[in-house]
Structures are given as structure tokens and as C-alpha cells.
Amino acid sequence: MTRSKRHGIFAAIVFAIFLPALIFAAGCHSYHVETTVENRTGGAIQLLEIDYPSASYGADKLLAGGVFHYRIQLRGSGPLKVQYTASDGRPVEISGPTLAERQEGTLQIVLLPGGKAEFHPRLTP
């Protein structure tokens, strides 16, 4: 067997081994959304909970002016919901944008006085 023929067989074997791995890696993209919650309510809040399709996250406390970062992965579709206890003890619940599986990017949530919030999504469709 000639050297060039052995080289060709070796290249074909390497290609056959690595092609499935390459296809698998290309098809396994994880979609993530980097979220930021900013407390601009004027006071500390407690029991912050962010509900999104199929999961939730939160913090026990977020001081006035505080920022909380969290990375989520969306499974399914549905609305985002923010809940917390205001500094005066009043429970607050705010509905946010609808999120969908395979979206990725950033989402800024700005908590404002009076139980209001702004949502600034920068997400792929």
C-alpha cells in the first residue's frame, strides 16, 4: 500500500470519528438570558421572586439601589412575573413580557416606586 493511500485511509477514519462529534456539538447550543434586577423603589425590598417559564429565582433582600444578576435558560413559553415585599410591608406583583424557549440575550428589570417596573428586553425572536 502506498503512503498516499494510507494517508487517505487515515484521513477518512479521522473524519468518520470526528464528524458525528462535530454535528452533535453544533446542534447543542444553550440559549441563555442574562437578567439584571435593579431596585429603584427608594427602599429595601424583601422576598424578591422572578417567575419565568418553567422556573424561578430570587433573593431574600435587595437594598435600595441594589442590583441582582442572574442567568436563566427558558423552557417553554409564558409571562414573566415579579413579586416582592416593599419596604412598607406591602406585597407587590408585576406582570412582565412574555418569554419563549430559544430566546437569548439580556433582560433588564427596573423596579420603581409605587409597585411599578420597567422591562428592557434585548432578546432574539
N, C-alpha and C. Protein backbone atom coordinates (compact mmCIF):
# COMPACT_ATOMS: atom_id res chain seq x y z
N MET A 1 0.85 -1.17 0.00
CA MET A 1 0.00 0.00 0.00
C MET A 1 0.90 1.23 0.00
N THR A 2 0.54 2.17 -0.85
CA THR A 2 1.36 3.37 -0.96
C THR A 2 1.09 4.30 0.21
N ARG A 3 2.06 5.17 0.40
CA ARG A 3 1.95 6.12 1.51
C ARG A 3 0.74 7.04 1.35
N SER A 4 0.47 7.51 0.16
CA SER A 4 -0.66 8.41 -0.06
C SER A 4 -1.99 7.69 0.17
N LYS A 5 -2.03 6.40 -0.15
CA LYS A 5 -3.26 5.64 0.08
C LYS A 5 -3.50 5.46 1.58
N ARG A 6 -2.42 5.16 2.34
CA ARG A 6 -2.54 5.03 3.80
C ARG A 6 -2.98 6.35 4.42
N HIS A 7 -2.42 7.44 3.92
CA HIS A 7 -2.79 8.77 4.41
C HIS A 7 -4.27 9.04 4.15
N GLY A 8 -4.76 8.65 2.98
CA GLY A 8 -6.17 8.84 2.64
C GLY A 8 -7.09 8.02 3.53
N ILE A 9 -6.69 6.78 3.82
CA ILE A 9 -7.49 5.92 4.70
C ILE A 9 -7.50 6.50 6.11
N PHE A 10 -6.33 6.94 6.58
CA PHE A 10 -6.25 7.55 7.92
C PHE A 10 -7.14 8.79 8.00
N ALA A 11 -7.09 9.63 6.98
CA ALA A 11 -7.92 10.85 6.96
C ALA A 11 -9.40 10.49 6.97
N ALA A 12 -9.79 9.46 6.25
CA ALA A 12 -11.20 9.04 6.22
C ALA A 12 -11.64 8.53 7.59
N ILE A 13 -10.77 7.80 8.28
CA ILE A 13 -11.11 7.29 9.62
C ILE A 13 -11.25 8.44 10.61
N VAL A 14 -10.32 9.36 10.58
CA VAL A 14 -10.39 10.53 11.47
C VAL A 14 -11.66 11.32 11.19
N PHE A 15 -11.96 11.52 9.94
CA PHE A 15 -13.16 12.26 9.55
C PHE A 15 -14.42 11.54 10.06
N ALA A 16 -14.46 10.22 9.91
CA ALA A 16 -15.62 9.43 10.34
C ALA A 16 -15.80 9.48 11.85
N ILE A 17 -14.71 9.58 12.59
CA ILE A 17 -14.79 9.64 14.05
C ILE A 17 -15.25 11.02 14.53
N PHE A 18 -14.68 12.07 13.94
CA PHE A 18 -14.95 13.41 14.43
C PHE A 18 -16.18 14.08 13.84
N LEU A 19 -16.67 13.63 12.71
CA LEU A 19 -17.86 14.24 12.11
C LEU A 19 -19.08 14.15 13.01
N PRO A 20 -19.42 12.99 13.57
CA PRO A 20 -20.58 12.94 14.48
C PRO A 20 -20.42 13.85 15.70
N ALA A 21 -19.21 13.91 16.25
CA ALA A 21 -18.97 14.79 17.40
C ALA A 21 -19.17 16.25 17.02
N LEU A 22 -18.71 16.62 15.85
CA LEU A 22 -18.86 17.99 15.38
C LEU A 22 -20.33 18.34 15.15
N ILE A 23 -21.07 17.44 14.55
CA ILE A 23 -22.52 17.66 14.33
C ILE A 23 -23.24 17.78 15.67
N PHE A 24 -22.90 16.91 16.61
CA PHE A 24 -23.53 16.95 17.94
C PHE A 24 -23.24 18.28 18.63
N ALA A 25 -22.00 18.73 18.59
CA ALA A 25 -21.63 19.98 19.25
C ALA A 25 -22.31 21.17 18.60
N ALA A 26 -22.46 21.16 17.30
CA ALA A 26 -23.11 22.27 16.61
C ALA A 26 -24.59 22.34 16.92
N GLY A 27 -25.22 21.21 17.21
CA GLY A 27 -26.66 21.18 17.48
C GLY A 27 -27.00 21.40 18.94
N CYS A 28 -26.03 21.55 19.81
CA CYS A 28 -26.29 21.65 21.25
C CYS A 28 -26.04 23.06 21.76
N HIS A 29 -26.59 24.04 21.13
CA HIS A 29 -26.44 25.41 21.58
C HIS A 29 -27.38 25.66 22.76
N SER A 30 -26.85 26.15 23.85
CA SER A 30 -27.68 26.51 25.01
C SER A 30 -28.07 27.97 24.90
N TYR A 31 -29.35 28.21 25.00
CA TYR A 31 -29.87 29.57 24.92
C TYR A 31 -30.01 30.10 26.34
N HIS A 32 -29.37 31.24 26.61
CA HIS A 32 -29.42 31.83 27.95
C HIS A 32 -29.82 33.30 27.86
N VAL A 33 -30.46 33.76 28.92
CA VAL A 33 -30.83 35.17 29.05
C VAL A 33 -30.16 35.69 30.31
N GLU A 34 -29.34 36.71 30.15
CA GLU A 34 -28.70 37.36 31.29
C GLU A 34 -29.67 38.40 31.83
N THR A 35 -30.14 38.21 33.07
CA THR A 35 -31.10 39.15 33.65
C THR A 35 -30.42 40.02 34.70
N THR A 36 -30.93 41.23 34.81
CA THR A 36 -30.49 42.18 35.83
C THR A 36 -31.73 42.80 36.45
N VAL A 37 -31.81 42.76 37.78
CA VAL A 37 -32.90 43.41 38.50
C VAL A 37 -32.30 44.57 39.27
N GLU A 38 -32.84 45.78 39.04
CA GLU A 38 -32.37 46.97 39.74
C GLU A 38 -33.47 47.47 40.66
N ASN A 39 -33.12 47.73 41.90
CA ASN A 39 -34.09 48.24 42.87
C ASN A 39 -34.01 49.77 42.93
N ARG A 40 -34.93 50.42 42.24
CA ARG A 40 -35.04 51.88 42.29
C ARG A 40 -36.35 52.30 42.97
N THR A 41 -36.80 51.48 43.92
CA THR A 41 -38.05 51.76 44.62
C THR A 41 -37.90 52.84 45.68
N GLY A 42 -36.68 53.10 46.09
CA GLY A 42 -36.45 54.07 47.15
C GLY A 42 -36.26 53.44 48.51
N GLY A 43 -36.44 52.14 48.61
CA GLY A 43 -36.25 51.43 49.87
C GLY A 43 -35.83 49.99 49.60
N ALA A 44 -35.41 49.32 50.65
CA ALA A 44 -35.03 47.92 50.52
C ALA A 44 -36.28 47.08 50.28
N ILE A 45 -36.15 46.03 49.49
CA ILE A 45 -37.26 45.11 49.28
C ILE A 45 -36.85 43.74 49.81
N GLN A 46 -37.85 42.93 50.11
CA GLN A 46 -37.59 41.59 50.63
C GLN A 46 -38.34 40.56 49.79
N LEU A 47 -37.90 39.33 49.89
CA LEU A 47 -38.53 38.19 49.25
C LEU A 47 -38.78 38.42 47.76
N LEU A 48 -37.75 38.85 47.06
CA LEU A 48 -37.83 39.06 45.62
C LEU A 48 -37.91 37.71 44.92
N GLU A 49 -38.90 37.56 44.05
CA GLU A 49 -39.04 36.34 43.26
C GLU A 49 -39.36 36.71 41.82
N ILE A 50 -38.62 36.13 40.90
CA ILE A 50 -38.85 36.33 39.48
C ILE A 50 -39.27 34.97 38.92
N ASP A 51 -40.52 34.88 38.45
CA ASP A 51 -41.03 33.65 37.85
C ASP A 51 -40.97 33.80 36.33
N TYR A 52 -40.46 32.79 35.68
CA TYR A 52 -40.39 32.76 34.22
C TYR A 52 -40.78 31.36 33.78
N PRO A 53 -41.01 31.12 32.49
CA PRO A 53 -41.47 29.80 32.06
C PRO A 53 -40.62 28.66 32.60
N SER A 54 -41.22 27.82 33.39
CA SER A 54 -40.69 26.57 33.95
C SER A 54 -39.76 26.72 35.14
N ALA A 55 -39.51 27.93 35.64
CA ALA A 55 -38.62 28.06 36.80
C ALA A 55 -38.77 29.45 37.43
N SER A 56 -38.00 29.66 38.49
CA SER A 56 -37.97 30.96 39.16
C SER A 56 -36.64 31.13 39.87
N TYR A 57 -36.35 32.36 40.24
CA TYR A 57 -35.17 32.67 41.03
C TYR A 57 -35.49 33.88 41.88
N GLY A 58 -34.62 34.20 42.82
CA GLY A 58 -34.88 35.36 43.65
C GLY A 58 -33.80 35.63 44.66
N ALA A 59 -34.13 36.54 45.57
CA ALA A 59 -33.20 36.94 46.63
C ALA A 59 -34.01 37.26 47.88
N ASP A 60 -33.42 37.02 49.03
CA ASP A 60 -34.10 37.33 50.30
C ASP A 60 -34.29 38.83 50.46
N LYS A 61 -33.30 39.61 50.01
CA LYS A 61 -33.34 41.05 50.21
C LYS A 61 -32.56 41.73 49.09
N LEU A 62 -33.03 42.90 48.67
CA LEU A 62 -32.31 43.72 47.71
C LEU A 62 -32.38 45.15 48.20
N LEU A 63 -31.24 45.70 48.59
CA LEU A 63 -31.19 47.05 49.14
C LEU A 63 -31.57 48.09 48.10
N ALA A 64 -31.98 49.27 48.59
CA ALA A 64 -32.28 50.39 47.69
C ALA A 64 -31.05 50.67 46.84
N GLY A 65 -31.23 50.77 45.53
CA GLY A 65 -30.12 50.99 44.62
C GLY A 65 -29.36 49.73 44.27
N GLY A 66 -29.75 48.60 44.86
CA GLY A 66 -29.06 47.34 44.62
C GLY A 66 -29.35 46.75 43.25
N VAL A 67 -28.43 45.93 42.80
CA VAL A 67 -28.55 45.26 41.50
C VAL A 67 -28.31 43.77 41.72
N PHE A 68 -29.15 42.96 41.09
CA PHE A 68 -29.06 41.50 41.22
C PHE A 68 -28.99 40.90 39.81
N HIS A 69 -27.94 40.13 39.55
CA HIS A 69 -27.74 39.50 38.24
C HIS A 69 -28.04 38.01 38.35
N TYR A 70 -28.66 37.47 37.29
CA TYR A 70 -28.93 36.04 37.26
C TYR A 70 -29.07 35.59 35.81
N ARG A 71 -28.59 34.42 35.52
CA ARG A 71 -28.64 33.87 34.16
C ARG A 71 -29.69 32.77 34.12
N ILE A 72 -30.63 32.87 33.17
CA ILE A 72 -31.71 31.88 33.08
C ILE A 72 -31.67 31.18 31.72
N GLN A 73 -32.29 30.02 31.69
CA GLN A 73 -32.49 29.29 30.45
C GLN A 73 -33.98 29.02 30.34
N LEU A 74 -34.58 29.42 29.24
CA LEU A 74 -36.02 29.33 29.07
C LEU A 74 -36.41 27.95 28.54
N ARG A 75 -37.42 27.38 29.16
CA ARG A 75 -38.03 26.12 28.73
C ARG A 75 -39.52 26.40 28.60
N GLY A 76 -40.04 26.34 27.41
CA GLY A 76 -41.44 26.66 27.19
C GLY A 76 -41.63 28.16 27.02
N SER A 77 -42.88 28.56 26.97
CA SER A 77 -43.23 29.98 26.79
C SER A 77 -44.19 30.42 27.86
N GLY A 78 -44.17 31.71 28.17
CA GLY A 78 -45.09 32.25 29.15
C GLY A 78 -44.64 33.59 29.66
N PRO A 79 -45.48 34.19 30.51
CA PRO A 79 -45.16 35.52 31.02
C PRO A 79 -44.13 35.48 32.15
N LEU A 80 -43.42 36.56 32.27
CA LEU A 80 -42.52 36.78 33.39
C LEU A 80 -43.33 37.47 34.48
N LYS A 81 -43.09 37.11 35.72
CA LYS A 81 -43.81 37.73 36.83
C LYS A 81 -42.82 38.07 37.93
N VAL A 82 -42.93 39.28 38.47
CA VAL A 82 -42.06 39.75 39.54
C VAL A 82 -42.90 39.92 40.80
N GLN A 83 -42.41 39.38 41.90
CA GLN A 83 -43.08 39.53 43.19
C GLN A 83 -42.05 39.93 44.24
N TYR A 84 -42.45 40.79 45.16
CA TYR A 84 -41.58 41.15 46.28
C TYR A 84 -42.41 41.82 47.36
N THR A 85 -41.79 42.01 48.51
CA THR A 85 -42.41 42.76 49.60
C THR A 85 -41.71 44.11 49.66
N ALA A 86 -42.51 45.17 49.52
CA ALA A 86 -41.97 46.54 49.52
C ALA A 86 -41.49 46.90 50.92
N SER A 87 -40.76 48.01 51.02
CA SER A 87 -40.21 48.43 52.31
C SER A 87 -41.29 48.75 53.33
N ASP A 88 -42.52 49.07 52.87
CA ASP A 88 -43.63 49.32 53.80
C ASP A 88 -44.38 48.05 54.17
N GLY A 89 -43.89 46.88 53.73
CA GLY A 89 -44.52 45.60 54.06
C GLY A 89 -45.60 45.16 53.07
N ARG A 90 -45.89 45.98 52.10
CA ARG A 90 -46.94 45.67 51.13
C ARG A 90 -46.42 44.70 50.07
N PRO A 91 -47.19 43.63 49.77
CA PRO A 91 -46.77 42.72 48.71
C PRO A 91 -47.01 43.36 47.33
N VAL A 92 -46.08 43.14 46.43
CA VAL A 92 -46.16 43.71 45.08
C VAL A 92 -46.05 42.56 44.08
N GLU A 93 -46.91 42.58 43.06
CA GLU A 93 -46.85 41.60 41.99
C GLU A 93 -46.99 42.34 40.67
N ILE A 94 -46.03 42.12 39.76
CA ILE A 94 -45.99 42.84 38.48
C ILE A 94 -45.84 41.82 37.36
N SER A 95 -46.65 41.96 36.33
CA SER A 95 -46.53 41.10 35.15
C SER A 95 -45.57 41.74 34.16
N GLY A 96 -44.74 40.92 33.56
CA GLY A 96 -43.76 41.40 32.60
C GLY A 96 -44.01 40.84 31.22
N PRO A 97 -43.00 40.88 30.38
CA PRO A 97 -43.16 40.42 29.00
C PRO A 97 -43.29 38.90 28.92
N THR A 98 -43.82 38.44 27.81
CA THR A 98 -43.90 37.01 27.54
C THR A 98 -42.55 36.56 26.97
N LEU A 99 -42.04 35.47 27.52
CA LEU A 99 -40.76 34.93 27.09
C LEU A 99 -41.00 33.58 26.41
N ALA A 100 -40.11 33.21 25.50
CA ALA A 100 -40.27 31.96 24.76
C ALA A 100 -38.96 31.18 24.73
N GLU A 101 -39.10 29.87 24.68
CA GLU A 101 -37.94 28.99 24.57
C GLU A 101 -37.11 29.37 23.34
N ARG A 102 -35.82 29.23 23.47
CA ARG A 102 -34.83 29.55 22.44
C ARG A 102 -34.55 31.04 22.29
N GLN A 103 -35.16 31.88 23.12
CA GLN A 103 -34.76 33.28 23.13
C GLN A 103 -33.46 33.38 23.91
N GLU A 104 -32.63 34.32 23.53
CA GLU A 104 -31.41 34.58 24.27
C GLU A 104 -31.08 36.05 24.17
N GLY A 105 -30.25 36.53 25.09
CA GLY A 105 -29.88 37.93 25.11
C GLY A 105 -29.86 38.45 26.54
N THR A 106 -30.38 39.68 26.71
CA THR A 106 -30.41 40.29 28.04
C THR A 106 -31.81 40.78 28.36
N LEU A 107 -32.09 40.84 29.65
CA LEU A 107 -33.36 41.39 30.13
C LEU A 107 -33.07 42.20 31.38
N GLN A 108 -33.35 43.49 31.31
CA GLN A 108 -33.17 44.38 32.45
C GLN A 108 -34.54 44.64 33.05
N ILE A 109 -34.66 44.43 34.36
CA ILE A 109 -35.89 44.69 35.11
C ILE A 109 -35.58 45.80 36.10
N VAL A 110 -36.29 46.93 35.97
CA VAL A 110 -36.06 48.07 36.86
C VAL A 110 -37.30 48.23 37.73
N LEU A 111 -37.14 47.99 39.03
CA LEU A 111 -38.24 48.13 39.98
C LEU A 111 -38.35 49.60 40.39
N LEU A 112 -39.55 50.14 40.27
CA LEU A 112 -39.78 51.56 40.51
C LEU A 112 -40.72 51.76 41.70
N PRO A 113 -40.79 53.00 42.23
CA PRO A 113 -41.72 53.27 43.34
C PRO A 113 -43.17 52.99 42.92
N GLY A 114 -44.01 52.74 43.92
CA GLY A 114 -45.44 52.55 43.67
C GLY A 114 -45.79 51.21 43.06
N GLY A 115 -44.93 50.21 43.20
CA GLY A 115 -45.23 48.88 42.68
C GLY A 115 -45.17 48.79 41.16
N LYS A 116 -44.41 49.65 40.55
CA LYS A 116 -44.28 49.65 39.09
C LYS A 116 -42.90 49.12 38.69
N ALA A 117 -42.77 48.77 37.41
CA ALA A 117 -41.49 48.27 36.91
C ALA A 117 -41.37 48.58 35.42
N GLU A 118 -40.15 48.68 34.99
CA GLU A 118 -39.84 48.79 33.56
C GLU A 118 -39.10 47.52 33.16
N PHE A 119 -39.40 47.03 31.97
CA PHE A 119 -38.74 45.84 31.44
C PHE A 119 -38.05 46.24 30.14
N HIS A 120 -36.77 45.93 30.05
CA HIS A 120 -35.98 46.27 28.86
C HIS A 120 -35.37 44.98 28.29
N PRO A 121 -36.17 44.25 27.49
CA PRO A 121 -35.63 43.03 26.88
C PRO A 121 -34.84 43.31 25.62
N ARG A 122 -33.73 42.65 25.48
CA ARG A 122 -32.95 42.62 24.24
C ARG A 122 -32.74 41.15 23.92
N LEU A 123 -33.77 40.56 23.32
CA LEU A 123 -33.79 39.12 23.11
C LEU A 123 -33.94 38.78 21.63
N THR A 124 -33.37 37.66 21.25
CA THR A 124 -33.59 37.18 19.88
C THR A 124 -35.04 36.73 19.79
N PRO A 125 -35.62 36.78 18.60
CA PRO A 125 -37.04 36.39 18.47
C PRO A 125 -37.30 34.93 18.77
